[in-house]
Amino acid sequence: MPKYNWEARSKAGATQKGVMDAASAAAVETQLKRYGFSSITVKEAGKGLSMELKIPGLGGAKKIDTKDLVVFTRQFATMIDSGLPLVQCLDILSSQQENPTFRDVLVKVKESVESGSTFAESLARHPRAFDQLYVNLVAAGEVGGILDTILNRLAAYIEKAMKLKKQVKGAMVYPATIMSIAVVVVGVILVFVIPTFAKMFADFGGELPAPTRIVIALSHFLTKYILVLIALGFAIKWGIGKYYQTPAGRKNIDRMGLKAPVIGPLIRKVSVAKFTRTLGTMISSGVPIMDGLDIVAKTSGNKVVEEAIYKVRTSISEGRTMAEPLAECGVFPPMVVQMISVGEATGAMDTMLNKIADFYDDEVDDAVSALTAMMEPMLMVFLGTTVGGLVIAMYLPIFKLASTVGG
């Protein structure tokens, strides 16, 4: 019998690890759930935590796109609602799937269901395609007999999450592109153009204007140490990446992101929208709130928010409310805390969370538009001033020489 390494969170919230002999990874997960563990990750001894999906003849697997998942979920919901058997639905959808990686996953899910596993258990064996949120909602749908409804909710949730992600990416791509162009242009000017001018000015003799001397000195420095600077840049990036992988580093960097002057409010709004949308979807689908909070915390993408959600989970397990720890963490605005408090008091938590999510989706929309509108002129001024300043600094000696000759 093979050995499996496992890592899970106990009822007290502590992370524990161990080794278990079992027939399969699913058997290990089932056993751990009986002991009260959650957030379970299982790997076969000597193998990686997740399965690598390979395409024959190619060096790696094609990524499963979010759009593929949305289309599959929508089509699957329609078929289930029409009364088609589960295995037949999977057979049809796998045969028409264009993404070979996703097709292989669906075939394996179908085979697993045919062998007697539940649909949720079969999906859980493919974490690269179906995350914990997806699996838990499907499990709730199977138990409640409302799988088609749950799948439609899932598709709507994934579409909104994808839209939110695109908005944030769109806000970042434009300034990053402009800054990259600015760095390349300035680098080319300093490394290749300025030395030609410097040689010409040396032949003329005489004292150069201060701006020209500064630019020539900067050009000499960059030409001499460009490889060192590039290596230093990669080293800093690597160091920050390594630091971010540590619990303390991730928490500090995520906290700085939330407090950043321009981007901080946007990150905060995205975090609130994601938390409320995900938890609201899970509660309305019948997932127990403790399981829902555990999954929401793990998928929050921000260590500060994650810790706040785990405090909420502990608070509920001790018989207290959600609102108190949310107010203490300082991430969630007072309005959100008050609305959640009202939702708890009235028993309409899922409705209230979805209303907050809708509101903050619009807030993110407005914030992204405002950020883009603000950064466009700033970046243009920066690019124009930098390149224009270099050109003027190089032409100052020529203007001075022309005025001397003319005089």
Protein backbone atom coordinates (compact mmCIF):
# COMPACT_ATOMS: atom_id res chain seq x y z
CA MET A 1 0.00 0.00 0.00
CA PRO A 2 1.49 3.40 -0.99
CA LYS A 3 2.41 6.08 1.52
CA TYR A 4 0.96 9.58 1.35
CA ASN A 5 2.27 12.76 2.94
CA TRP A 6 -0.51 15.06 4.12
CA GLU A 7 -0.86 18.59 5.43
CA ALA A 8 -4.08 19.91 6.97
CA ARG A 9 -5.56 22.43 9.36
CA SER A 10 -6.92 21.14 12.69
CA LYS A 11 -10.12 22.31 14.41
CA ALA A 12 -8.00 24.68 16.49
CA GLY A 13 -6.62 26.28 13.33
CA ALA A 14 -3.09 24.84 13.61
CA THR A 15 -1.35 23.37 10.56
CA GLN A 16 -0.33 19.72 10.98
CA LYS A 17 1.60 17.29 8.77
CA GLY A 18 1.94 13.53 8.68
CA VAL A 19 2.30 10.32 6.66
CA MET A 20 -0.46 7.75 6.08
CA ASP A 21 -0.70 4.39 4.33
CA ALA A 22 -3.80 4.28 2.11
CA ALA A 23 -5.15 2.94 -1.18
CA SER A 24 -5.43 6.43 -2.69
CA ALA A 25 -5.09 10.15 -1.97
CA ALA A 26 -8.89 10.38 -1.78
CA ALA A 27 -8.92 7.75 0.99
CA VAL A 28 -6.40 9.81 2.99
CA GLU A 29 -8.53 12.94 2.57
CA THR A 30 -11.69 11.10 3.65
CA GLN A 31 -9.96 9.73 6.75
CA LEU A 32 -8.60 13.16 7.74
CA LYS A 33 -12.03 14.76 7.35
CA ARG A 34 -13.40 12.18 9.79
CA TYR A 35 -10.82 13.39 12.31
CA GLY A 36 -12.08 16.97 11.86
CA PHE A 37 -9.26 18.30 9.65
CA SER A 38 -9.83 20.86 6.87
CA SER A 39 -7.74 22.53 4.10
CA ILE A 40 -6.25 19.12 3.32
CA THR A 41 -3.37 18.68 0.85
CA VAL A 42 -2.24 15.14 0.01
CA LYS A 43 0.72 13.95 -2.07
CA GLU A 44 2.14 10.52 -2.71
CA ALA A 45 5.52 10.09 -1.00
CA GLY A 46 8.29 11.17 -3.36
CA LYS A 47 5.95 13.06 -5.69
CA GLY A 48 4.84 16.67 -6.01
CA LEU A 49 1.78 18.17 -4.35
CA SER A 50 -0.12 18.47 -7.60
CA MET A 51 -0.45 16.42 -10.70
CA GLU A 52 1.40 17.56 -13.82
CA LEU A 53 -0.79 17.29 -16.90
CA LYS A 54 1.31 16.44 -19.95
CA ILE A 55 0.39 16.56 -23.61
CA PRO A 56 2.03 13.74 -25.57
CA GLY A 57 4.69 15.02 -27.92
CA LEU A 58 5.02 18.40 -26.19
CA GLY A 59 7.25 19.61 -23.39
CA GLY A 60 4.42 20.73 -21.10
CA ALA A 61 0.68 20.97 -20.62
CA LYS A 62 -1.57 23.61 -22.07
CA LYS A 63 -3.02 25.80 -19.36
CA ILE A 64 -6.69 25.40 -18.48
CA ASP A 65 -8.13 28.84 -19.14
CA THR A 66 -10.79 30.37 -16.91
CA LYS A 67 -12.96 30.85 -19.97
CA ASP A 68 -12.83 27.08 -20.63
CA LEU A 69 -14.04 26.47 -17.09
CA VAL A 70 -16.90 28.98 -17.40
CA VAL A 71 -18.12 27.51 -20.70
CA PHE A 72 -17.91 23.97 -19.30
CA THR A 73 -19.82 24.95 -16.15
CA ARG A 74 -22.58 26.73 -18.09
CA GLN A 75 -23.02 23.85 -20.54
CA PHE A 76 -22.93 21.27 -17.76
CA ALA A 77 -25.64 23.15 -15.82
CA THR A 78 -27.87 23.27 -18.93
CA MET A 79 -27.44 19.53 -19.56
CA ILE A 80 -28.14 18.56 -15.93
CA ASP A 81 -31.22 20.82 -15.92
CA SER A 82 -32.42 19.03 -19.09
CA GLY A 83 -32.30 15.68 -17.28
CA LEU A 84 -29.24 14.13 -18.92
CA PRO A 85 -27.30 11.62 -16.76
CA LEU A 86 -24.09 12.92 -15.18
CA VAL A 87 -21.77 10.49 -17.00
CA GLN A 88 -23.37 11.26 -20.37
CA CYS A 89 -22.91 15.00 -19.77
CA LEU A 90 -19.21 14.49 -19.00
CA ASP A 91 -18.80 12.26 -22.06
CA ILE A 92 -20.35 14.87 -24.39
CA LEU A 93 -18.43 17.81 -22.90
CA SER A 94 -15.09 16.00 -22.90
CA SER A 95 -15.49 14.94 -26.54
CA GLN A 96 -16.16 18.52 -27.68
CA GLN A 97 -13.48 20.14 -25.50
CA GLU A 98 -10.77 21.80 -27.67
CA ASN A 99 -8.23 22.23 -24.88
CA PRO A 100 -6.44 18.83 -24.72
CA THR A 101 -5.39 19.29 -21.09
CA PHE A 102 -8.92 20.04 -19.94
CA ARG A 103 -10.26 17.21 -22.13
CA ASP A 104 -7.96 14.72 -20.38
CA VAL A 105 -9.14 15.98 -16.98
CA LEU A 106 -12.81 15.61 -17.93
CA VAL A 107 -12.22 12.06 -19.22
CA LYS A 108 -10.59 11.12 -15.90
CA VAL A 109 -13.44 12.75 -13.96
CA LYS A 110 -15.95 10.72 -16.01
CA GLU A 111 -14.03 7.49 -15.36
CA SER A 112 -13.90 8.27 -11.64
CA VAL A 113 -17.66 8.89 -11.49
CA GLU A 114 -18.27 5.62 -13.39
CA SER A 115 -16.16 3.77 -10.81
CA GLY A 116 -18.46 4.91 -7.99
CA SER A 117 -16.99 8.18 -6.72
CA THR A 118 -19.17 11.25 -6.30
CA PHE A 119 -18.82 14.10 -8.78
CA ALA A 120 -17.23 16.34 -6.12
CA GLU A 121 -14.71 13.68 -5.11
CA SER A 122 -13.78 13.16 -8.76
CA LEU A 123 -13.25 16.89 -9.28
CA ALA A 124 -11.13 17.14 -6.09
CA ARG A 125 -8.53 14.83 -7.66
CA HIS A 126 -7.72 17.57 -10.21
CA PRO A 127 -6.90 20.69 -8.13
CA ARG A 128 -5.23 22.44 -11.08
CA ALA A 129 -8.56 22.53 -12.88
CA PHE A 130 -11.07 22.68 -10.01
CA ASP A 131 -10.16 24.58 -6.85
CA GLN A 132 -11.57 24.01 -3.36
CA LEU A 133 -14.33 26.55 -3.88
CA TYR A 134 -15.57 24.75 -7.00
CA VAL A 135 -15.40 21.30 -5.35
CA ASN A 136 -17.18 22.36 -2.16
CA LEU A 137 -20.00 24.10 -4.03
CA VAL A 138 -20.48 21.03 -6.25
CA ALA A 139 -20.55 18.83 -3.13
CA ALA A 140 -23.24 21.08 -1.61
CA GLY A 141 -25.21 20.90 -4.85
CA GLU A 142 -25.03 17.11 -4.93
CA VAL A 143 -26.19 16.79 -1.32
CA GLY A 144 -29.04 19.30 -1.80
CA GLY A 145 -30.13 17.98 -5.20
CA ILE A 146 -29.64 21.40 -6.81
CA LEU A 147 -26.49 20.75 -8.85
CA ASP A 148 -27.76 22.71 -11.89
CA THR A 149 -28.49 25.78 -9.73
CA ILE A 150 -25.09 25.55 -8.05
CA LEU A 151 -23.30 25.24 -11.39
CA ASN A 152 -25.06 28.35 -12.70
CA ARG A 153 -24.03 30.23 -9.57
CA LEU A 154 -20.48 28.97 -10.01
CA ALA A 155 -20.35 30.14 -13.62
CA ALA A 156 -21.67 33.59 -12.63
CA TYR A 157 -19.13 33.78 -9.79
CA ILE A 158 -16.19 32.78 -12.01
CA GLU A 159 -17.22 35.30 -14.68
CA LYS A 160 -17.37 38.14 -12.13
CA ALA A 161 -14.05 37.09 -10.58
CA MET A 162 -12.49 36.98 -14.05
CA LYS A 163 -13.84 40.46 -14.84
CA LEU A 164 -12.43 41.81 -11.56
CA LYS A 165 -9.01 40.30 -12.30
CA LYS A 166 -9.01 41.77 -15.82
CA GLN A 167 -9.84 45.22 -14.48
CA VAL A 168 -6.91 45.19 -12.06
CA LYS A 169 -4.54 43.77 -14.69
CA GLY A 170 -5.68 46.40 -17.17
CA ALA A 171 -4.91 49.16 -14.66
CA MET A 172 -1.38 47.79 -14.18
CA VAL A 173 -0.48 46.98 -17.80
CA TYR A 174 -0.61 50.56 -19.12
CA PRO A 175 1.77 52.21 -16.61
CA ALA A 176 4.09 49.18 -16.70
CA THR A 177 4.28 49.41 -20.51
CA ILE A 178 4.98 53.15 -20.48
CA MET A 179 7.65 52.79 -17.78
CA SER A 180 9.30 49.94 -19.69
CA ILE A 181 9.40 52.04 -22.87
CA ALA A 182 10.83 54.98 -20.89
CA VAL A 183 13.59 52.82 -19.37
CA VAL A 184 14.53 51.34 -22.77
CA VAL A 185 14.55 54.73 -24.53
CA VAL A 186 16.59 56.43 -21.81
CA GLY A 187 18.99 53.46 -21.65
CA VAL A 188 19.57 53.52 -25.43
CA ILE A 189 20.18 57.27 -25.37
CA LEU A 190 22.61 57.08 -22.44
CA VAL A 191 24.55 54.02 -23.68
CA PHE A 192 24.69 54.61 -27.44
CA VAL A 193 23.87 58.27 -28.23
CA ILE A 194 25.44 60.30 -25.41
CA PRO A 195 29.00 58.83 -25.83
CA THR A 196 29.01 60.09 -29.45
CA PHE A 197 28.12 63.61 -28.29
CA ALA A 198 30.66 63.41 -25.46
CA LYS A 199 33.46 62.58 -27.92
CA MET A 200 32.41 65.44 -30.17
CA PHE A 201 32.31 67.93 -27.25
CA ALA A 202 35.78 66.75 -26.10
CA ASP A 203 37.14 67.63 -29.56
CA PHE A 204 35.64 71.13 -29.31
CA GLY A 205 37.30 71.83 -25.95
CA GLY A 206 36.01 74.38 -23.46
CA GLU A 207 33.84 73.96 -20.39
CA LEU A 208 30.50 72.23 -20.84
CA PRO A 209 27.25 73.37 -19.16
CA ALA A 210 26.42 71.68 -15.86
CA PRO A 211 23.40 69.70 -17.21
CA THR A 212 25.56 68.31 -20.03
CA ARG A 213 28.33 67.27 -17.61
CA ILE A 214 25.79 65.50 -15.40
CA VAL A 215 24.29 63.58 -18.34
CA ILE A 216 27.74 62.58 -19.67
CA ALA A 217 28.80 61.38 -16.20
CA LEU A 218 25.58 59.37 -15.94
CA SER A 219 26.24 57.88 -19.39
CA HIS A 220 29.80 56.86 -18.41
CA PHE A 221 28.53 55.26 -15.20
CA LEU A 222 25.76 53.33 -16.97
CA THR A 223 28.06 52.17 -19.78
CA LYS A 224 30.64 50.94 -17.27
CA TYR A 225 28.27 49.27 -14.80
CA ILE A 226 25.27 48.29 -16.94
CA LEU A 227 25.82 44.54 -16.45
CA VAL A 228 26.26 45.04 -12.70
CA LEU A 229 23.04 47.08 -12.54
CA ILE A 230 21.10 44.43 -14.51
CA ALA A 231 22.44 41.69 -12.23
CA LEU A 232 21.58 43.82 -9.18
CA GLY A 233 18.03 44.28 -10.49
CA PHE A 234 17.56 40.52 -10.91
CA ALA A 235 19.10 39.92 -7.47
CA ILE A 236 16.72 42.40 -5.83
CA LYS A 237 13.74 40.81 -7.61
CA TRP A 238 14.88 37.34 -6.53
CA GLY A 239 15.43 38.52 -2.95
CA ILE A 240 11.99 40.12 -2.73
CA GLY A 241 10.45 36.94 -4.17
CA LYS A 242 12.22 34.79 -1.58
CA TYR A 243 11.24 37.17 1.23
CA TYR A 244 7.61 37.09 0.04
CA GLN A 245 7.63 33.30 0.33
CA THR A 246 8.20 33.58 4.08
CA PRO A 247 5.09 34.14 6.29
CA ALA A 248 6.49 37.35 7.80
CA GLY A 249 7.66 38.67 4.43
CA ARG A 250 4.33 38.01 2.74
CA LYS A 251 2.46 39.68 5.58
CA ASN A 252 4.72 42.77 5.55
CA ILE A 253 4.58 43.19 1.77
CA ASP A 254 0.80 42.65 1.66
CA ARG A 255 0.36 45.18 4.47
CA MET A 256 2.50 47.73 2.59
CA GLY A 257 0.38 47.11 -0.51
CA LEU A 258 -2.80 47.91 1.41
CA LYS A 259 -1.23 51.12 2.77
CA ALA A 260 0.32 52.27 -0.53
CA PRO A 261 -0.80 55.84 -1.44
CA VAL A 262 -2.30 55.27 -4.90
CA ILE A 263 -2.71 51.52 -5.36
CA GLY A 264 -3.62 50.73 -1.72
CA PRO A 265 -7.32 51.76 -1.89
CA LEU A 266 -7.75 49.71 -5.07
CA ILE A 267 -6.21 46.60 -3.44
CA ARG A 268 -8.49 47.08 -0.43
CA LYS A 269 -11.62 47.32 -2.61
CA VAL A 270 -10.61 44.25 -4.62
CA SER A 271 -10.04 42.29 -1.37
CA VAL A 272 -13.46 43.28 0.01
CA ALA A 273 -15.22 42.44 -3.29
CA LYS A 274 -13.51 39.05 -3.53
CA PHE A 275 -14.17 38.12 0.12
CA THR A 276 -17.87 39.07 0.07
CA ARG A 277 -18.57 37.56 -3.36
CA THR A 278 -16.90 34.24 -2.55
CA LEU A 279 -18.39 33.85 0.93
CA GLY A 280 -21.82 35.01 -0.23
CA THR A 281 -21.82 32.46 -3.06
CA MET A 282 -20.79 29.64 -0.73
CA ILE A 283 -23.33 30.43 2.00
CA SER A 284 -26.20 30.80 -0.48
CA SER A 285 -25.19 27.42 -1.99
CA GLY A 286 -25.44 25.65 1.36
CA VAL A 287 -21.75 25.31 2.24
CA PRO A 288 -21.23 25.46 6.05
CA ILE A 289 -19.91 28.86 7.07
CA MET A 290 -16.83 27.41 8.81
CA ASP A 291 -15.80 25.53 5.65
CA GLY A 292 -16.61 28.60 3.58
CA LEU A 293 -14.42 30.88 5.68
CA ASP A 294 -11.55 28.40 5.52
CA ILE A 295 -11.68 28.30 1.71
CA VAL A 296 -12.14 32.09 1.41
CA ALA A 297 -9.10 32.67 3.64
CA LYS A 298 -6.90 30.36 1.54
CA THR A 299 -7.97 32.01 -1.73
CA SER A 300 -7.86 35.62 -0.50
CA GLY A 301 -4.43 36.31 -2.04
CA ASN A 302 -3.48 38.66 0.80
CA LYS A 303 -1.92 37.51 4.08
CA VAL A 304 -3.43 40.37 6.11
CA VAL A 305 -6.92 39.57 4.82
CA GLU A 306 -6.28 35.83 5.30
CA GLU A 307 -5.41 36.32 8.99
CA ALA A 308 -8.45 38.53 9.47
CA ILE A 309 -10.72 35.82 8.01
CA TYR A 310 -9.20 33.14 10.24
CA LYS A 311 -9.89 35.41 13.23
CA VAL A 312 -13.50 35.61 12.07
CA ARG A 313 -13.59 31.80 11.86
CA THR A 314 -12.23 31.46 15.40
CA SER A 315 -14.69 34.08 16.64
CA ILE A 316 -17.66 32.15 15.20
CA SER A 317 -16.37 28.85 16.62
CA GLU A 318 -16.33 30.53 20.05
CA GLY A 319 -19.93 31.68 19.64
CA ARG A 320 -19.20 35.32 18.82
CA THR A 321 -19.99 37.40 15.71
CA MET A 322 -18.21 37.98 12.40
CA ALA A 323 -18.33 41.77 12.66
CA GLU A 324 -16.00 42.20 15.67
CA PRO A 325 -12.79 40.67 14.22
CA LEU A 326 -13.48 42.27 10.82
CA ALA A 327 -13.60 45.69 12.48
CA GLU A 328 -10.40 45.01 14.43
CA CYS A 329 -8.25 44.04 11.42
CA GLY A 330 -8.56 47.48 9.79
CA VAL A 331 -8.91 46.09 6.26
CA PHE A 332 -12.69 46.21 5.92
CA PRO A 333 -14.38 49.66 5.85
CA PRO A 334 -16.91 50.47 8.63
CA MET A 335 -19.80 50.32 6.14
CA VAL A 336 -18.93 46.72 5.24
CA VAL A 337 -18.65 45.72 8.90
CA GLN A 338 -22.01 47.31 9.69
CA MET A 339 -23.75 45.64 6.75
CA ILE A 340 -22.33 42.23 7.75
CA SER A 341 -23.49 42.86 11.32
CA VAL A 342 -27.01 43.59 10.02
CA GLY A 343 -26.84 40.45 7.86
CA GLU A 344 -25.96 38.36 10.93
CA ALA A 345 -28.78 39.88 12.96
CA THR A 346 -31.42 39.40 10.26
CA GLY A 347 -30.27 35.96 9.07
CA ALA A 348 -29.77 37.26 5.52
CA MET A 349 -25.98 37.03 5.46
CA ASP A 350 -25.70 35.68 1.89
CA THR A 351 -27.95 38.43 0.49
CA MET A 352 -26.03 41.13 2.35
CA LEU A 353 -22.64 39.79 1.23
CA ASN A 354 -23.74 39.70 -2.41
CA LYS A 355 -25.03 43.29 -2.14
CA ILE A 356 -21.67 44.40 -0.74
CA ALA A 357 -19.87 42.53 -3.53
CA ASP A 358 -22.01 44.23 -6.21
CA PHE A 359 -21.31 47.63 -4.66
CA TYR A 360 -17.55 47.03 -4.50
CA ASP A 361 -17.42 45.65 -8.05
CA ASP A 362 -18.67 49.08 -9.15
CA GLU A 363 -16.20 50.74 -6.78
CA VAL A 364 -13.33 48.80 -8.36
CA ASP A 365 -14.59 49.84 -11.80
CA ASP A 366 -14.54 53.52 -10.79
CA ALA A 367 -11.18 53.21 -9.02
CA VAL A 368 -9.53 51.59 -12.07
CA SER A 369 -10.94 54.28 -14.39
CA ALA A 370 -9.79 57.07 -12.05
CA LEU A 371 -6.34 55.50 -11.63
CA THR A 372 -5.86 55.14 -15.40
CA ALA A 373 -7.09 58.68 -16.04
CA MET A 374 -4.72 60.05 -13.39
CA MET A 375 -1.66 58.07 -14.49
CA GLU A 376 -1.92 58.81 -18.24
CA PRO A 377 -0.89 62.51 -18.04
CA MET A 378 1.63 61.80 -15.25
CA LEU A 379 3.40 59.13 -17.30
CA MET A 380 3.39 61.27 -20.44
CA VAL A 381 4.89 64.20 -18.51
CA PHE A 382 7.50 61.88 -16.97
CA LEU A 383 8.47 60.39 -20.33
CA GLY A 384 8.54 63.77 -22.06
CA THR A 385 10.54 65.44 -19.28
CA THR A 386 13.11 62.62 -19.08
CA VAL A 387 13.76 62.26 -22.80
CA GLY A 388 13.39 65.99 -23.46
CA GLY A 389 15.80 66.82 -20.62
CA LEU A 390 18.47 64.49 -22.06
CA VAL A 391 18.10 66.01 -25.55
CA ILE A 392 18.28 69.59 -24.25
CA ALA A 393 21.32 68.77 -22.09
CA MET A 394 23.14 67.48 -25.20
CA TYR A 395 22.22 70.44 -27.37
CA LEU A 396 23.12 73.12 -24.84
CA PRO A 397 26.85 73.10 -25.82
CA ILE A 398 25.88 73.33 -29.50
CA PHE A 399 23.66 76.34 -28.79
CA LYS A 400 26.48 77.89 -26.76
CA LEU A 401 28.98 77.28 -29.58
CA ALA A 402 26.60 78.73 -32.16
CA SER A 403 26.07 81.91 -30.10
CA THR A 404 29.85 82.28 -29.63
CA VAL A 405 30.50 81.94 -33.37
CA GLY A 406 27.64 84.29 -34.16
CA GLY A 407 28.95 86.88 -31.69
